[in-house]
Amino acid sequence: MRELVEYIAKNLVDDPDAVKVVEREEDNAFVLELSVAPDDMGKVIGKQGRIAKAIRTVVKAATSKASKKYIVEII
């Protein structure tokens, strides 16, 4: 799942080398922490958070049959 979020983010931003996705495990879920260059933050979040919501929706759809939940955090 980390690769999926990384792929999506790299195609949205101007500086794809600055995209980093860290996966960590919490109690009942995996947390994917997405970080990008400060100048690209708006492109990943989008107007009123629409792009961020779309990224979360894609991850949720891709992991619908997984036993653990995936959460995407934009840092």
N, C-alpha and C. Protein backbone atom coordinates (compact mmCIF):
# COMPACT_ATOMS: atom_id res chain seq x y z
N MET A 1 0.81 -1.18 0.00
CA MET A 1 0.00 0.00 0.00
C MET A 1 0.86 1.26 0.00
N ARG A 2 2.03 1.15 0.62
CA ARG A 2 2.95 2.28 0.66
C ARG A 2 3.32 2.71 -0.76
N GLU A 3 3.53 1.73 -1.64
CA GLU A 3 3.92 2.02 -3.02
C GLU A 3 2.80 2.75 -3.77
N LEU A 4 1.55 2.37 -3.49
CA LEU A 4 0.41 3.01 -4.14
C LEU A 4 0.33 4.49 -3.78
N VAL A 5 0.43 4.79 -2.50
CA VAL A 5 0.36 6.19 -2.04
C VAL A 5 1.55 6.98 -2.60
N GLU A 6 2.71 6.38 -2.60
CA GLU A 6 3.90 7.04 -3.13
C GLU A 6 3.74 7.33 -4.62
N TYR A 7 3.22 6.39 -5.38
CA TYR A 7 3.01 6.56 -6.81
C TYR A 7 2.04 7.71 -7.09
N ILE A 8 0.93 7.73 -6.37
CA ILE A 8 -0.07 8.78 -6.56
C ILE A 8 0.53 10.15 -6.24
N ALA A 9 1.22 10.24 -5.11
CA ALA A 9 1.78 11.53 -4.68
C ALA A 9 2.86 12.02 -5.64
N LYS A 10 3.71 11.13 -6.11
CA LYS A 10 4.79 11.54 -7.03
C LYS A 10 4.24 12.08 -8.34
N ASN A 11 3.08 11.61 -8.75
CA ASN A 11 2.49 12.11 -9.99
C ASN A 11 1.73 13.41 -9.80
N LEU A 12 1.51 13.82 -8.57
CA LEU A 12 0.80 15.07 -8.31
C LEU A 12 1.73 16.27 -8.10
N VAL A 13 2.94 16.03 -7.60
CA VAL A 13 3.81 17.12 -7.14
C VAL A 13 4.83 17.52 -8.20
N ASP A 14 5.46 18.69 -7.96
CA ASP A 14 6.53 19.18 -8.84
C ASP A 14 7.87 18.57 -8.48
N ASP A 15 8.06 18.21 -7.21
CA ASP A 15 9.33 17.64 -6.73
C ASP A 15 9.11 16.21 -6.25
N PRO A 16 9.09 15.24 -7.16
CA PRO A 16 8.80 13.86 -6.75
C PRO A 16 9.88 13.23 -5.87
N ASP A 17 11.09 13.78 -5.89
CA ASP A 17 12.16 13.24 -5.05
C ASP A 17 11.92 13.52 -3.57
N ALA A 18 11.11 14.51 -3.25
CA ALA A 18 10.86 14.88 -1.86
C ALA A 18 9.71 14.07 -1.24
N VAL A 19 9.04 13.25 -2.03
CA VAL A 19 7.92 12.47 -1.53
C VAL A 19 8.44 11.30 -0.71
N LYS A 20 7.92 11.17 0.51
CA LYS A 20 8.30 10.07 1.39
C LYS A 20 7.04 9.52 2.03
N VAL A 21 6.94 8.19 2.05
CA VAL A 21 5.82 7.54 2.70
C VAL A 21 6.39 6.55 3.71
N VAL A 22 6.02 6.73 4.96
CA VAL A 22 6.47 5.85 6.03
C VAL A 22 5.27 5.07 6.54
N GLU A 23 5.43 3.77 6.63
CA GLU A 23 4.34 2.91 7.11
C GLU A 23 4.67 2.45 8.52
N ARG A 24 3.74 2.67 9.42
CA ARG A 24 3.92 2.19 10.79
C ARG A 24 2.64 1.50 11.24
N GLU A 25 2.79 0.62 12.19
CA GLU A 25 1.65 -0.15 12.65
C GLU A 25 1.22 0.31 14.03
N GLU A 26 -0.07 0.54 14.17
CA GLU A 26 -0.64 0.87 15.46
C GLU A 26 -1.51 -0.30 15.90
N ASP A 27 -2.33 -0.11 16.90
CA ASP A 27 -3.14 -1.19 17.48
C ASP A 27 -3.85 -2.03 16.43
N ASN A 28 -4.77 -1.43 15.73
CA ASN A 28 -5.61 -2.17 14.81
C ASN A 28 -5.48 -1.68 13.38
N ALA A 29 -4.45 -0.87 13.09
CA ALA A 29 -4.37 -0.26 11.77
C ALA A 29 -2.92 0.00 11.37
N PHE A 30 -2.74 0.15 10.07
CA PHE A 30 -1.47 0.61 9.53
C PHE A 30 -1.64 2.10 9.22
N VAL A 31 -0.66 2.90 9.60
CA VAL A 31 -0.71 4.33 9.33
C VAL A 31 0.34 4.64 8.27
N LEU A 32 -0.08 5.26 7.18
CA LEU A 32 0.81 5.68 6.11
C LEU A 32 1.02 7.18 6.24
N GLU A 33 2.22 7.59 6.59
CA GLU A 33 2.53 9.01 6.76
C GLU A 33 3.15 9.53 5.47
N LEU A 34 2.46 10.42 4.80
CA LEU A 34 2.91 11.00 3.54
C LEU A 34 3.50 12.37 3.80
N SER A 35 4.73 12.57 3.36
CA SER A 35 5.34 13.90 3.49
C SER A 35 5.86 14.32 2.12
N VAL A 36 5.66 15.59 1.80
CA VAL A 36 6.09 16.16 0.53
C VAL A 36 6.79 17.47 0.81
N ALA A 37 7.36 18.07 -0.24
CA ALA A 37 8.02 19.37 -0.10
C ALA A 37 6.96 20.41 0.30
N PRO A 38 7.36 21.42 1.07
CA PRO A 38 6.40 22.44 1.51
C PRO A 38 5.66 23.12 0.36
N ASP A 39 6.34 23.33 -0.76
CA ASP A 39 5.70 23.98 -1.91
C ASP A 39 4.63 23.10 -2.56
N ASP A 40 4.73 21.80 -2.38
CA ASP A 40 3.80 20.86 -3.00
C ASP A 40 2.65 20.45 -2.08
N MET A 41 2.62 20.95 -0.88
CA MET A 41 1.61 20.54 0.09
C MET A 41 0.20 20.82 -0.42
N GLY A 42 0.00 21.97 -1.04
CA GLY A 42 -1.32 22.32 -1.56
C GLY A 42 -1.79 21.41 -2.67
N LYS A 43 -0.84 20.91 -3.46
CA LYS A 43 -1.21 20.02 -4.56
C LYS A 43 -1.66 18.66 -4.05
N VAL A 44 -1.12 18.23 -2.93
CA VAL A 44 -1.49 16.94 -2.37
C VAL A 44 -2.81 17.05 -1.59
N ILE A 45 -3.03 18.19 -0.96
CA ILE A 45 -4.26 18.37 -0.18
C ILE A 45 -5.42 18.78 -1.09
N GLY A 46 -5.19 19.71 -1.99
CA GLY A 46 -6.23 20.15 -2.91
C GLY A 46 -7.19 21.13 -2.29
N LYS A 47 -8.06 21.68 -3.10
CA LYS A 47 -9.05 22.63 -2.61
C LYS A 47 -10.02 21.92 -1.70
N GLN A 48 -10.17 22.44 -0.51
CA GLN A 48 -11.05 21.90 0.52
C GLN A 48 -10.76 20.43 0.82
N GLY A 49 -9.50 20.02 0.58
CA GLY A 49 -9.08 18.66 0.93
C GLY A 49 -9.59 17.58 -0.01
N ARG A 50 -9.99 17.97 -1.20
CA ARG A 50 -10.58 16.99 -2.12
C ARG A 50 -9.58 15.95 -2.59
N ILE A 51 -8.36 16.35 -2.90
CA ILE A 51 -7.36 15.38 -3.38
C ILE A 51 -6.94 14.46 -2.25
N ALA A 52 -6.76 14.99 -1.05
CA ALA A 52 -6.41 14.16 0.10
C ALA A 52 -7.52 13.14 0.36
N LYS A 53 -8.75 13.57 0.24
CA LYS A 53 -9.88 12.66 0.44
C LYS A 53 -9.90 11.59 -0.65
N ALA A 54 -9.57 11.96 -1.87
CA ALA A 54 -9.54 11.01 -2.97
C ALA A 54 -8.44 9.96 -2.76
N ILE A 55 -7.28 10.40 -2.27
CA ILE A 55 -6.19 9.45 -1.97
C ILE A 55 -6.64 8.47 -0.90
N ARG A 56 -7.28 8.97 0.13
CA ARG A 56 -7.77 8.09 1.20
C ARG A 56 -8.83 7.12 0.68
N THR A 57 -9.68 7.58 -0.23
CA THR A 57 -10.71 6.71 -0.80
C THR A 57 -10.10 5.60 -1.63
N VAL A 58 -9.08 5.91 -2.42
CA VAL A 58 -8.40 4.90 -3.22
C VAL A 58 -7.75 3.85 -2.32
N VAL A 59 -7.09 4.30 -1.26
CA VAL A 59 -6.46 3.36 -0.32
C VAL A 59 -7.51 2.50 0.35
N LYS A 60 -8.60 3.09 0.74
CA LYS A 60 -9.67 2.33 1.39
C LYS A 60 -10.24 1.27 0.44
N ALA A 61 -10.42 1.64 -0.83
CA ALA A 61 -10.95 0.69 -1.80
C ALA A 61 -9.95 -0.43 -2.08
N ALA A 62 -8.68 -0.10 -2.12
CA ALA A 62 -7.65 -1.10 -2.40
C ALA A 62 -7.46 -2.07 -1.24
N THR A 63 -7.81 -1.66 -0.04
CA THR A 63 -7.60 -2.51 1.13
C THR A 63 -8.91 -2.98 1.75
N SER A 64 -9.97 -2.97 0.98
CA SER A 64 -11.28 -3.31 1.54
C SER A 64 -11.35 -4.74 2.07
N LYS A 65 -10.57 -5.65 1.50
CA LYS A 65 -10.61 -7.04 1.95
C LYS A 65 -9.51 -7.36 2.96
N ALA A 66 -8.70 -6.39 3.30
CA ALA A 66 -7.62 -6.61 4.27
C ALA A 66 -8.21 -6.68 5.68
N SER A 67 -7.53 -7.39 6.54
CA SER A 67 -8.02 -7.54 7.90
C SER A 67 -7.75 -6.30 8.75
N LYS A 68 -6.70 -5.55 8.39
CA LYS A 68 -6.39 -4.33 9.13
C LYS A 68 -6.76 -3.10 8.32
N LYS A 69 -7.02 -2.03 9.02
CA LYS A 69 -7.41 -0.77 8.41
C LYS A 69 -6.16 0.02 8.05
N TYR A 70 -6.21 0.78 6.96
CA TYR A 70 -5.11 1.66 6.56
C TYR A 70 -5.56 3.11 6.70
N ILE A 71 -4.71 3.93 7.29
CA ILE A 71 -5.01 5.34 7.51
C ILE A 71 -3.91 6.15 6.82
N VAL A 72 -4.29 7.15 6.05
CA VAL A 72 -3.32 8.01 5.37
C VAL A 72 -3.27 9.34 6.09
N GLU A 73 -2.09 9.71 6.57
CA GLU A 73 -1.87 11.01 7.22
C GLU A 73 -0.91 11.82 6.36
N ILE A 74 -1.26 13.07 6.11
CA ILE A 74 -0.39 13.95 5.35
C ILE A 74 0.33 14.86 6.33
N ILE A 75 1.65 14.77 6.31
CA ILE A 75 2.46 15.52 7.28
C ILE A 75 3.14 16.69 6.60
